[in-house]
Protein backbone atom coordinates (compact mmCIF):
# COMPACT_ATOMS: atom_id res chain seq x y z
CA MET A 1 0.00 0.00 0.00
CA ASN A 2 1.24 3.50 -0.82
CA VAL A 3 0.37 6.83 0.70
CA LYS A 4 1.01 10.00 -1.27
CA VAL A 5 1.64 13.29 0.43
CA HIS A 6 1.51 16.39 -1.73
CA LEU A 7 3.92 19.08 -0.55
CA ASP A 8 4.82 22.54 -1.73
CA TYR A 9 8.51 23.13 -2.45
CA ALA A 10 8.62 25.21 0.72
CA GLU A 11 7.58 22.09 2.65
CA TYR A 12 9.62 19.58 0.65
CA ASP A 13 12.94 21.42 0.69
CA PRO A 14 13.38 21.36 4.50
CA LEU A 15 12.52 17.64 4.48
CA LYS A 16 15.11 17.06 1.75
CA ARG A 17 17.80 18.99 3.65
CA THR A 18 16.97 17.03 6.80
CA ALA A 19 17.18 13.71 4.94
CA GLU A 20 20.52 14.68 3.40
CA ALA A 21 21.88 15.74 6.80
CA LEU A 22 20.77 12.41 8.30
CA GLY A 23 21.97 10.35 5.33
CA CYS A 24 18.58 8.96 4.37
CA GLU A 25 15.66 9.56 2.01
CA VAL A 26 12.80 12.03 2.46
CA GLU A 27 10.43 9.07 2.80
CA ASP A 28 12.44 7.90 5.82
CA VAL A 29 11.99 11.26 7.56
CA VAL A 30 8.26 11.29 6.80
CA TYR A 31 7.84 7.72 8.04
CA THR A 32 9.74 8.57 11.23
CA ALA A 33 7.47 11.56 11.84
CA ILE A 34 4.37 9.41 11.35
CA ASN A 35 5.83 6.72 13.61
CA GLU A 36 6.56 9.27 16.35
CA TYR A 37 3.04 10.70 16.13
CA MET A 38 1.42 7.28 16.24
CA LEU A 39 3.54 6.20 19.22
CA ARG A 40 2.73 9.38 21.13
CA LEU A 41 -0.98 8.66 20.80
CA GLY A 42 -0.61 6.17 23.63
CA ASN A 43 2.48 7.18 25.61
CA PHE A 44 2.86 10.65 27.07
CA LYS A 45 4.42 10.35 30.49
CA GLU A 46 7.87 11.33 29.21
CA HIS A 47 7.07 13.24 26.03
CA CYS A 48 4.33 15.77 26.61
CA GLY A 49 2.97 18.45 28.87
CA PRO A 50 -0.76 18.79 29.65
CA GLU A 51 -1.77 20.36 26.31
CA CYS A 52 0.21 17.82 24.31
CA LYS A 53 -1.40 14.99 26.28
CA LYS A 54 -4.85 16.40 25.56
CA ILE A 55 -4.18 16.71 21.81
CA HIS A 56 -3.01 13.09 21.68
CA THR A 57 -5.37 11.36 24.10
CA ASP A 58 -8.75 13.06 23.91
CA PHE A 59 -10.61 11.99 20.75
CA ALA A 60 -12.34 15.34 20.23
CA SER A 61 -9.03 17.18 20.66
CA MET A 62 -7.22 14.78 18.30
CA ARG A 63 -9.94 15.22 15.68
CA ALA A 64 -9.89 19.00 16.06
CA GLU A 65 -6.08 19.14 15.72
CA VAL A 66 -6.10 17.08 12.52
CA HIS A 67 -8.90 19.18 11.02
CA ASN A 68 -7.23 22.43 12.12
CA GLN A 69 -3.98 21.37 10.41
CA LYS A 70 -5.91 20.43 7.28
CA LEU A 71 -7.62 23.83 7.16
CA ALA A 72 -4.47 25.75 8.05
CA ARG A 73 -2.55 24.08 5.26
CA LYS A 74 -4.88 25.53 2.63
CA ASN A 75 -3.51 29.05 3.11
CA ASN A 76 -0.45 28.71 5.33
CA LEU A 77 2.86 26.92 5.41
CA PRO A 78 3.92 25.06 8.54
CA LYS A 79 6.42 26.82 10.79
CA TRP A 80 9.23 24.50 9.65
CA ALA A 81 8.68 25.20 5.92
CA ASP A 82 10.93 27.54 3.96
CA SER A 83 9.76 31.16 4.16
CA ALA A 84 7.40 30.21 6.99
CA GLY A 85 6.46 32.55 9.78
CA SER A 86 6.88 35.73 7.77
CA ALA A 87 5.25 37.86 5.14
CA HIS A 88 7.83 36.67 2.64
CA ASN A 89 6.40 38.39 -0.43
CA TYR A 90 5.95 41.61 1.52
CA GLU A 91 9.63 41.56 2.45
CA GLY A 92 10.63 41.93 -1.17
CA PHE A 93 11.33 38.26 -1.86
CA GLY A 94 9.42 36.39 -4.53
CA PRO A 95 8.29 32.79 -4.28
CA ASP A 96 11.31 31.77 -6.37
CA GLU A 97 13.62 33.06 -3.61
CA PRO A 98 12.81 30.82 -0.63
CA THR A 99 14.27 31.59 2.75
CA LYS A 100 15.00 28.86 5.26
CA SER A 101 12.67 28.96 8.26
CA SER A 102 14.21 29.66 11.65
CA GLN A 103 12.16 26.68 12.87
CA ALA A 104 13.97 24.23 10.53
CA LYS A 105 16.98 22.40 11.95
CA PHE A 106 18.64 21.79 8.56
C-alpha cells in the first residue's frame, strides 16, 4: 500500500535537507514523523505536557487538531517550511527566492 503526500517546495525542501543531513531519504523522515506521532498517541508520560497529552489522548481534541492542520494548510505553510512565519512576499522576496525557516533544523 502506498500513501502519497503532496507538498509545496517550501515544505519539501526542509525535508530534503533534513534527509541529506541524516543520510537517508525524504520518505524515511516522513515515516519517522508518522511513527513518532502514532507512538505518542498512547504514551505521554515522558514526552508531553498537559496540552500535548490532551491533543493526543482526547478523541475530540485529536480530531480538532487534525482538522485544524488540514484547514491551516490551505492558506499557510507550517512553521518549519521555507519562508514560513513571515510575510515573505511583503519583504521583497518572490516565491522563487525561498528563505530557510528559523524553525527548521537543517
